[in-house]
Amino acid sequence: MSRNSKTVLRLENVSKTFTIRDRNADSIRDKVFNVFNPTNKRVIRAVKDVSLEIKRGEFFGVIGRNGCGKSTLLQLMAGVYPPDKGGKAMIDGRFIRLSLGLGFNKDLTARENIYINASILGLTLKKIGRKFDEIIEMSELADFVDTKIKYYSRGMRSKLAFAIAIHAEADILLMDEFFGGVGDEKFRKKSDEIFQRSFLDGRTIVHVSHNLSTIKKYCDRVILLDKGECIALDKPEIVLDIYENLMK
């Protein structure tokens, strides 16, 4: 993918620490150990001193085992979480965080959710009206457009979310398990074609995923996280090999 040298996303020594309160002690063992920890709190370092730069037009992957800090890193990029003292996070451009099903109101119909979610993604009501039929056709849900989302299967919700999200008007897309493995084989083929045609053109994409085939196919570079730390940051084939050895 073509890109220039402009940096649109930068993290400098970014860390994120959470302090959580455990449940109340309800056993003799818990009460004994709480004598040594009377506040009943734990400190979790979800992300530890990560630094990286992402260029305009780059497709950047984030991989790692469950609980390694992938989604937290994406939240730091989006500014949802402030980094710990001493760290800096910068993003230059219009960005949107995408996650399948993000923002759906299950008590509303598909029609109502399309208008709500598409407006969140930057579309005006006029544009949503023009693209509405296209979204429905893409999602293959014409017979269920006025059915409440709570009656949808997981696959139906995923199709609708993807059909809405491909119209997002942003320069930078922060995607959390957004693409890959959506719907049946026919829909996956169609969504893959649309993804290449509509998503990749000139956009900067950060993609958190467990779908390694998607990471290998699309990414220019990949970061591998383990217990919040950057284990590797390089081309997909190099990082995926390290990841495979780590999993062993």
C-alpha atoms as a PDB file:
ATOM      1  CA  MET A   1       0.000   0.000   0.000  1.00  0.00           C
ATOM      2  CA  SER A   2       1.270   3.446  -0.890  1.00  0.00           C
ATOM      3  CA  ARG A   3       1.944   5.832   1.929  1.00  0.00           C
ATOM      4  CA  ASN A   4       4.078   8.881   2.578  1.00  0.00           C
ATOM      5  CA  SER A   5       6.440   9.667   5.418  1.00  0.00           C
ATOM      6  CA  LYS A   6       3.941  11.679   7.483  1.00  0.00           C
ATOM      7  CA  THR A   7       3.431  10.227  10.948  1.00  0.00           C
ATOM      8  CA  VAL A   8      -0.256  10.263  11.883  1.00  0.00           C
ATOM      9  CA  LEU A   9      -0.094   8.245  15.099  1.00  0.00           C
ATOM     10  CA  ARG A  10       2.685   8.231  17.673  1.00  0.00           C
ATOM     11  CA  LEU A  11       3.066   6.614  21.080  1.00  0.00           C
ATOM     12  CA  GLU A  12       6.051   7.525  23.247  1.00  0.00           C
ATOM     13  CA  ASN A  13       6.761   5.326  26.286  1.00  0.00           C
ATOM     14  CA  VAL A  14       3.060   4.774  26.782  1.00  0.00           C
ATOM     15  CA  SER A  15       1.907   2.742  29.769  1.00  0.00           C
ATOM     16  CA  LYS A  16      -1.491   2.168  31.347  1.00  0.00           C
ATOM     17  CA  THR A  17      -1.995   1.057  34.914  1.00  0.00           C
ATOM     18  CA  PHE A  18      -5.337   0.121  36.430  1.00  0.00           C
ATOM     19  CA  THR A  19      -6.065  -0.162  40.132  1.00  0.00           C
ATOM     20  CA  ILE A  20      -8.998  -2.444  40.803  1.00  0.00           C
ATOM     21  CA  ARG A  21     -10.780  -3.460  43.981  1.00  0.00           C
ATOM     22  CA  ASP A  22     -11.302  -7.176  44.385  1.00  0.00           C
ATOM     23  CA  ARG A  23     -14.577  -8.638  45.565  1.00  0.00           C
ATOM     24  CA  ASN A  24     -15.275  -8.684  49.280  1.00  0.00           C
ATOM     25  CA  ALA A  25     -13.682 -11.514  51.191  1.00  0.00           C
ATOM     26  CA  ASP A  26     -16.178 -14.307  51.649  1.00  0.00           C
ATOM     27  CA  SER A  27     -13.970 -17.105  52.939  1.00  0.00           C
ATOM     28  CA  ILE A  28     -11.613 -17.601  55.863  1.00  0.00           C
ATOM     29  CA  ARG A  29      -8.676 -17.812  53.414  1.00  0.00           C
ATOM     30  CA  ASP A  30      -9.620 -14.474  51.781  1.00  0.00           C
ATOM     31  CA  LYS A  31      -9.982 -12.781  55.138  1.00  0.00           C
ATOM     32  CA  VAL A  32      -6.589 -14.033  56.309  1.00  0.00           C
ATOM     33  CA  PHE A  33      -4.824 -12.755  53.158  1.00  0.00           C
ATOM     34  CA  ASN A  34      -6.675  -9.434  53.383  1.00  0.00           C
ATOM     35  CA  VAL A  35      -4.895  -8.803  56.710  1.00  0.00           C
ATOM     36  CA  PHE A  36      -1.792  -8.195  54.569  1.00  0.00           C
ATOM     37  CA  ASN A  37      -3.737  -6.234  51.954  1.00  0.00           C
ATOM     38  CA  PRO A  38      -6.367  -4.304  53.904  1.00  0.00           C
ATOM     39  CA  THR A  39      -7.338  -2.070  50.976  1.00  0.00           C
ATOM     40  CA  ASN A  40      -8.264  -5.162  48.938  1.00  0.00           C
ATOM     41  CA  LYS A  41      -6.860  -3.562  45.759  1.00  0.00           C
ATOM     42  CA  ARG A  42      -4.738  -4.869  42.917  1.00  0.00           C
ATOM     43  CA  VAL A  43      -2.554  -2.955  40.455  1.00  0.00           C
ATOM     44  CA  ILE A  44      -2.582  -4.157  36.859  1.00  0.00           C
ATOM     45  CA  ARG A  45      -0.096  -2.820  34.302  1.00  0.00           C
ATOM     46  CA  ALA A  46      -2.063  -3.463  31.112  1.00  0.00           C
ATOM     47  CA  VAL A  47       0.408  -1.708  28.792  1.00  0.00           C
ATOM     48  CA  LYS A  48       4.088  -1.200  29.592  1.00  0.00           C
ATOM     49  CA  ASP A  49       6.309   1.429  27.935  1.00  0.00           C
ATOM     50  CA  VAL A  50       5.193   0.983  24.329  1.00  0.00           C
ATOM     51  CA  SER A  51       6.610   3.316  21.677  1.00  0.00           C
ATOM     52  CA  LEU A  52       5.699   3.293  17.987  1.00  0.00           C
ATOM     53  CA  GLU A  53       4.996   5.481  14.963  1.00  0.00           C
ATOM     54  CA  ILE A  54       2.412   4.773  12.272  1.00  0.00           C
ATOM     55  CA  LYS A  55       2.603   6.456   8.868  1.00  0.00           C
ATOM     56  CA  ARG A  56      -0.263   7.759   6.759  1.00  0.00           C
ATOM     57  CA  GLY A  57      -1.745   4.979   4.631  1.00  0.00           C
ATOM     58  CA  GLU A  58      -0.162   2.198   6.676  1.00  0.00           C
ATOM     59  CA  PHE A  59      -2.050  -0.958   7.645  1.00  0.00           C
ATOM     60  CA  PHE A  60      -0.774  -1.757  11.133  1.00  0.00           C
ATOM     61  CA  GLY A  61      -1.625  -4.956  13.003  1.00  0.00           C
ATOM     62  CA  VAL A  62      -1.775  -5.616  16.752  1.00  0.00           C
ATOM     63  CA  ILE A  63      -1.638  -9.240  17.909  1.00  0.00           C
ATOM     64  CA  GLY A  64      -1.135 -11.221  21.108  1.00  0.00           C
ATOM     65  CA  ARG A  65      -2.830 -13.623  23.459  1.00  0.00           C
ATOM     66  CA  ASN A  66      -6.025 -12.770  25.321  1.00  0.00           C
ATOM     67  CA  GLY A  67      -5.376 -10.244  28.084  1.00  0.00           C
ATOM     68  CA  CYS A  68      -2.048  -9.065  26.651  1.00  0.00           C
ATOM     69  CA  GLY A  69      -3.155  -5.403  26.347  1.00  0.00           C
ATOM     70  CA  LYS A  70      -4.255  -5.173  22.695  1.00  0.00           C
ATOM     71  CA  SER A  71      -7.591  -3.426  23.253  1.00  0.00           C
ATOM     72  CA  THR A  72      -6.098  -1.202  25.958  1.00  0.00           C
ATOM     73  CA  LEU A  73      -3.431  -0.085  23.470  1.00  0.00           C
ATOM     74  CA  LEU A  74      -6.167   0.789  20.974  1.00  0.00           C
ATOM     75  CA  GLN A  75      -8.004   2.778  23.657  1.00  0.00           C
ATOM     76  CA  LEU A  76      -4.806   4.704  24.378  1.00  0.00           C
ATOM     77  CA  MET A  77      -4.462   5.511  20.683  1.00  0.00           C
ATOM     78  CA  ALA A  78      -8.044   6.771  20.592  1.00  0.00           C
ATOM     79  CA  GLY A  79      -7.608   8.877  23.729  1.00  0.00           C
ATOM     80  CA  VAL A  80     -10.249   6.941  25.635  1.00  0.00           C
ATOM     81  CA  TYR A  81      -7.639   6.233  28.307  1.00  0.00           C
ATOM     82  CA  PRO A  82      -4.986   8.791  29.233  1.00  0.00           C
ATOM     83  CA  PRO A  83      -1.500   7.239  29.426  1.00  0.00           C
ATOM     84  CA  ASP A  84       0.327   7.020  32.733  1.00  0.00           C
ATOM     85  CA  LYS A  85       2.497   9.983  33.684  1.00  0.00           C
ATOM     86  CA  GLY A  86       5.478  10.358  31.361  1.00  0.00           C
ATOM     87  CA  GLY A  87       3.861   8.773  28.330  1.00  0.00           C
ATOM     88  CA  LYS A  88       2.578  10.598  25.252  1.00  0.00           C
ATOM     89  CA  ALA A  89      -0.043   9.618  22.665  1.00  0.00           C
ATOM     90  CA  MET A  90      -0.689  11.622  19.488  1.00  0.00           C
ATOM     91  CA  ILE A  91      -3.124  11.049  16.623  1.00  0.00           C
ATOM     92  CA  ASP A  92      -3.281  13.443  13.670  1.00  0.00           C
ATOM     93  CA  GLY A  93      -6.456  13.186  11.617  1.00  0.00           C
ATOM     94  CA  ARG A  94     -10.098  12.209  11.819  1.00  0.00           C
ATOM     95  CA  PHE A  95     -10.362   8.778  13.390  1.00  0.00           C
ATOM     96  CA  ILE A  96     -13.065   6.304  14.345  1.00  0.00           C
ATOM     97  CA  ARG A  97     -12.855   3.195  16.492  1.00  0.00           C
ATOM     98  CA  LEU A  98     -14.713   0.266  14.950  1.00  0.00           C
ATOM     99  CA  SER A  99     -15.873  -2.878  16.704  1.00  0.00           C
ATOM    100  CA  LEU A 100     -18.572  -5.201  15.424  1.00  0.00           C
ATOM    101  CA  GLY A 101     -21.857  -4.445  17.158  1.00  0.00           C
ATOM    102  CA  LEU A 102     -20.438  -1.370  18.892  1.00  0.00           C
ATOM    103  CA  GLY A 103     -23.289   0.981  19.789  1.00  0.00           C
ATOM    104  CA  PHE A 104     -26.236  -1.208  18.770  1.00  0.00           C
ATOM    105  CA  ASN A 105     -29.421  -0.669  20.763  1.00  0.00           C
ATOM    106  CA  LYS A 106     -31.091  -4.083  20.865  1.00  0.00           C
ATOM    107  CA  ASP A 107     -34.518  -2.583  21.520  1.00  0.00           C
ATOM    108  CA  LEU A 108     -34.401  -0.629  18.260  1.00  0.00           C
ATOM    109  CA  THR A 109     -34.865  -1.920  14.714  1.00  0.00           C
ATOM    110  CA  ALA A 110     -32.134  -2.302  12.119  1.00  0.00           C
ATOM    111  CA  ARG A 111     -33.477   0.800  10.364  1.00  0.00           C
ATOM    112  CA  GLU A 112     -33.187   2.873  13.547  1.00  0.00           C
ATOM    113  CA  ASN A 113     -29.749   1.486  14.396  1.00  0.00           C
ATOM    114  CA  ILE A 114     -28.467   2.298  10.918  1.00  0.00           C
ATOM    115  CA  TYR A 115     -29.325   5.966  11.372  1.00  0.00           C
ATOM    116  CA  ILE A 116     -27.855   6.121  14.875  1.00  0.00           C
ATOM    117  CA  ASN A 117     -24.616   4.273  14.111  1.00  0.00           C
ATOM    118  CA  ALA A 118     -23.984   5.862  10.727  1.00  0.00           C
ATOM    119  CA  SER A 119     -24.362   9.334  12.250  1.00  0.00           C
ATOM    120  CA  ILE A 120     -21.794   8.381  14.910  1.00  0.00           C
ATOM    121  CA  LEU A 121     -19.467   7.365  12.066  1.00  0.00           C
ATOM    122  CA  GLY A 122     -19.688  10.862  10.599  1.00  0.00           C
ATOM    123  CA  LEU A 123     -22.479  10.609   8.023  1.00  0.00           C
ATOM    124  CA  THR A 124     -25.153  13.270   7.771  1.00  0.00           C
ATOM    125  CA  LEU A 125     -28.810  12.226   7.782  1.00  0.00           C
ATOM    126  CA  LYS A 126     -28.971  13.123   4.090  1.00  0.00           C
ATOM    127  CA  LYS A 127     -26.036  10.823   3.287  1.00  0.00           C
ATOM    128  CA  ILE A 128     -27.488   8.026   5.395  1.00  0.00           C
ATOM    129  CA  GLY A 129     -30.726   8.315   3.443  1.00  0.00           C
ATOM    130  CA  ARG A 130     -28.836   8.004   0.152  1.00  0.00           C
ATOM    131  CA  LYS A 131     -26.813   4.995   1.363  1.00  0.00           C
ATOM    132  CA  PHE A 132     -29.581   3.267   3.303  1.00  0.00           C
ATOM    133  CA  ASP A 133     -30.595   0.824   0.541  1.00  0.00           C
ATOM    134  CA  GLU A 134     -26.935   0.057  -0.144  1.00  0.00           C
ATOM    135  CA  ILE A 135     -26.385  -0.792   3.522  1.00  0.00           C
ATOM    136  CA  ILE A 136     -29.411  -3.078   3.609  1.00  0.00           C
ATOM    137  CA  GLU A 137     -28.403  -4.791   0.372  1.00  0.00           C
ATOM    138  CA  MET A 138     -24.873  -5.279   1.655  1.00  0.00           C
ATOM    139  CA  SER A 139     -26.071  -6.766   4.959  1.00  0.00           C
ATOM    140  CA  GLU A 140     -28.512  -9.130   3.201  1.00  0.00           C
ATOM    141  CA  LEU A 141     -31.178  -8.200   5.770  1.00  0.00           C
ATOM    142  CA  ALA A 142     -33.932  -6.704   3.595  1.00  0.00           C
ATOM    143  CA  ASP A 143     -36.539  -8.967   5.187  1.00  0.00           C
ATOM    144  CA  PHE A 144     -35.555  -7.876   8.706  1.00  0.00           C
ATOM    145  CA  VAL A 145     -35.027  -4.123   8.340  1.00  0.00           C
ATOM    146  CA  ASP A 146     -37.864  -3.308  10.754  1.00  0.00           C
ATOM    147  CA  THR A 147     -37.104  -6.146  13.174  1.00  0.00           C
ATOM    148  CA  LYS A 148     -35.594  -5.288  16.535  1.00  0.00           C
ATOM    149  CA  ILE A 149     -31.899  -6.124  16.860  1.00  0.00           C
ATOM    150  CA  LYS A 150     -32.539  -8.246  19.959  1.00  0.00           C
ATOM    151  CA  TYR A 151     -34.106 -10.863  17.687  1.00  0.00           C
ATOM    152  CA  TYR A 152     -31.059 -10.991  15.397  1.00  0.00           C
ATOM    153  CA  SER A 153     -28.540 -13.790  15.527  1.00  0.00           C
ATOM    154  CA  ARG A 154     -24.911 -12.917  16.189  1.00  0.00           C
ATOM    155  CA  GLY A 155     -24.141 -13.407  12.493  1.00  0.00           C
ATOM    156  CA  MET A 156     -26.935 -11.051  11.440  1.00  0.00           C
ATOM    157  CA  ARG A 157     -25.697  -8.347  13.827  1.00  0.00           C
ATOM    158  CA  SER A 158     -22.158  -8.748  12.508  1.00  0.00           C
ATOM    159  CA  LYS A 159     -23.321  -8.381   8.905  1.00  0.00           C
ATOM    160  CA  LEU A 160     -25.283  -5.236   9.734  1.00  0.00           C
ATOM    161  CA  ALA A 161     -22.399  -3.724  11.704  1.00  0.00           C
ATOM    162  CA  PHE A 162     -19.975  -4.336   8.845  1.00  0.00           C
ATOM    163  CA  ALA A 163     -22.373  -2.937   6.243  1.00  0.00           C
ATOM    164  CA  ILE A 164     -22.732   0.265   8.288  1.00  0.00           C
ATOM    165  CA  ALA A 165     -19.073   0.638   9.220  1.00  0.00           C
ATOM    166  CA  ILE A 166     -17.682   0.454   5.678  1.00  0.00           C
ATOM    167  CA  HIS A 167     -19.231   3.895   5.142  1.00  0.00           C
ATOM    168  CA  ALA A 168     -17.293   5.465   8.019  1.00  0.00           C
ATOM    169  CA  GLU A 169     -15.936   8.873   7.053  1.00  0.00           C
ATOM    170  CA  ALA A 170     -12.514   9.021   8.685  1.00  0.00           C
ATOM    171  CA  ASP A 171      -8.855   9.093   7.704  1.00  0.00           C
ATOM    172  CA  ILE A 172      -7.773   6.724  10.475  1.00  0.00           C
ATOM    173  CA  LEU A 173      -9.637   3.545  11.450  1.00  0.00           C
ATOM    174  CA  LEU A 174      -8.925   1.867  14.779  1.00  0.00           C
ATOM    175  CA  MET A 175     -10.437  -1.601  14.387  1.00  0.00           C
ATOM    176  CA  ASP A 176     -10.926  -4.001  17.285  1.00  0.00           C
ATOM    177  CA  GLU A 177     -11.646  -7.520  15.951  1.00  0.00           C
ATOM    178  CA  PHE A 178     -13.655  -5.793  13.247  1.00  0.00           C
ATOM    179  CA  PHE A 179     -12.811  -7.618  10.064  1.00  0.00           C
ATOM    180  CA  GLY A 180     -12.410 -11.288   9.172  1.00  0.00           C
ATOM    181  CA  GLY A 181     -14.710 -14.265   9.615  1.00  0.00           C
ATOM    182  CA  VAL A 182     -17.947 -12.266   9.347  1.00  0.00           C
ATOM    183  CA  GLY A 183     -20.962 -14.225   8.137  1.00  0.00           C
ATOM    184  CA  ASP A 184     -21.061 -17.238   5.820  1.00  0.00           C
ATOM    185  CA  GLU A 185     -18.628 -18.007   2.995  1.00  0.00           C
ATOM    186  CA  LYS A 186     -20.563 -15.940   0.444  1.00  0.00           C
ATOM    187  CA  PHE A 187     -20.692 -12.902   2.729  1.00  0.00           C
ATOM    188  CA  ARG A 188     -17.027 -13.251   3.700  1.00  0.00           C
ATOM    189  CA  LYS A 189     -16.026 -13.179   0.039  1.00  0.00           C
ATOM    190  CA  LYS A 190     -18.195 -10.141  -0.624  1.00  0.00           C
ATOM    191  CA  SER A 191     -17.008  -8.303   2.491  1.00  0.00           C
ATOM    192  CA  ASP A 192     -13.388  -9.036   1.600  1.00  0.00           C
ATOM    193  CA  GLU A 193     -13.856  -7.493  -1.854  1.00  0.00           C
ATOM    194  CA  ILE A 194     -15.527  -4.413  -0.378  1.00  0.00           C
ATOM    195  CA  PHE A 195     -12.849  -4.172   2.307  1.00  0.00           C
ATOM    196  CA  GLN A 196     -10.106  -4.018  -0.319  1.00  0.00           C
ATOM    197  CA  ARG A 197     -12.016  -1.639  -2.582  1.00  0.00           C
ATOM    198  CA  SER A 198     -13.465   0.775   0.001  1.00  0.00           C
ATOM    199  CA  PHE A 199     -11.372   0.571   3.155  1.00  0.00           C
ATOM    200  CA  LEU A 200      -7.799   0.476   2.003  1.00  0.00           C
ATOM    201  CA  ASP A 201      -7.747   3.418  -0.393  1.00  0.00           C
ATOM    202  CA  GLY A 202      -5.638   6.109   1.300  1.00  0.00           C
ATOM    203  CA  ARG A 203      -6.672   5.252   4.838  1.00  0.00           C
ATOM    204  CA  THR A 204      -4.521   4.495   7.848  1.00  0.00           C
ATOM    205  CA  ILE A 205      -5.707   1.355   9.623  1.00  0.00           C
ATOM    206  CA  VAL A 206      -4.782  -0.094  13.001  1.00  0.00           C
ATOM    207  CA  HIS A 207      -6.222  -3.585  13.308  1.00  0.00           C
ATOM    208  CA  VAL A 208      -6.392  -5.608  16.539  1.00  0.00           C
ATOM    209  CA  SER A 209      -7.149  -9.191  15.611  1.00  0.00           C
ATOM    210  CA  HIS A 210      -6.771 -12.879  16.422  1.00  0.00           C
ATOM    211  CA  ASN A 211      -7.333 -13.644  12.735  1.00  0.00           C
ATOM    212  CA  LEU A 212      -3.726 -14.195  11.680  1.00  0.00           C
ATOM    213  CA  SER A 213      -4.575 -14.825   8.022  1.00  0.00           C
ATOM    214  CA  THR A 214      -6.047 -11.307   7.821  1.00  0.00           C
ATOM    215  CA  ILE A 215      -2.985  -9.882   9.584  1.00  0.00           C
ATOM    216  CA  LYS A 216      -0.657 -11.670   7.155  1.00  0.00           C
ATOM    217  CA  LYS A 217      -2.653 -10.656   4.092  1.00  0.00           C
ATOM    218  CA  TYR A 218      -3.124  -6.941   4.761  1.00  0.00           C
ATOM    219  CA  CYS A 219      -0.617  -5.591   7.278  1.00  0.00           C
ATOM    220  CA  ASP A 220       2.514  -3.626   6.420  1.00  0.00           C
ATOM    221  CA  ARG A 221       3.826  -4.016   9.982  1.00  0.00           C
ATOM    222  CA  VAL A 222       2.695  -5.816  13.134  1.00  0.00           C
ATOM    223  CA  ILE A 223       3.297  -5.330  16.833  1.00  0.00           C
ATOM    224  CA  LEU A 224       3.209  -8.359  19.142  1.00  0.00           C
ATOM    225  CA  LEU A 225       2.217  -7.738  22.752  1.00  0.00           C
ATOM    226  CA  ASP A 226       2.733 -10.082  25.686  1.00  0.00           C
ATOM    227  CA  LYS A 227       1.712  -9.109  29.211  1.00  0.00           C
ATOM    228  CA  GLY A 228       1.476  -5.503  28.065  1.00  0.00           C
ATOM    229  CA  GLU A 229       4.977  -5.350  26.611  1.00  0.00           C
ATOM    230  CA  CYS A 230       6.116  -5.026  23.000  1.00  0.00           C
ATOM    231  CA  ILE A 231       7.807  -8.336  22.149  1.00  0.00           C
ATOM    232  CA  ALA A 232       8.260  -7.604  18.435  1.00  0.00           C
ATOM    233  CA  LEU A 233       7.526  -4.854  15.907  1.00  0.00           C
ATOM    234  CA  ASP A 234       8.309  -5.765  12.304  1.00  0.00           C
ATOM    235  CA  LYS A 235       6.937  -7.186   9.055  1.00  0.00           C
ATOM    236  CA  PRO A 236       4.054  -9.693   9.411  1.00  0.00           C
ATOM    237  CA  GLU A 237       6.046 -12.783   8.434  1.00  0.00           C
ATOM    238  CA  ILE A 238       8.715 -12.042  11.049  1.00  0.00           C
ATOM    239  CA  VAL A 239       6.315 -11.200  13.888  1.00  0.00           C
ATOM    240  CA  LEU A 240       3.934 -14.096  13.162  1.00  0.00           C
ATOM    241  CA  ASP A 241       6.848 -16.516  13.378  1.00  0.00           C
ATOM    242  CA  ILE A 242       7.806 -15.083  16.788  1.00  0.00           C
ATOM    243  CA  TYR A 243       4.163 -15.301  17.887  1.00  0.00           C
ATOM    244  CA  GLU A 244       3.932 -18.944  16.835  1.00  0.00           C
ATOM    245  CA  ASN A 245       7.011 -19.775  18.916  1.00  0.00           C
ATOM    246  CA  LEU A 246       5.591 -17.817  21.856  1.00  0.00           C
ATOM    247  CA  MET A 247       2.361 -19.799  21.733  1.00  0.00           C
ATOM    248  CA  LYS A 248       4.332 -23.050  21.837  1.00  0.00           C
END
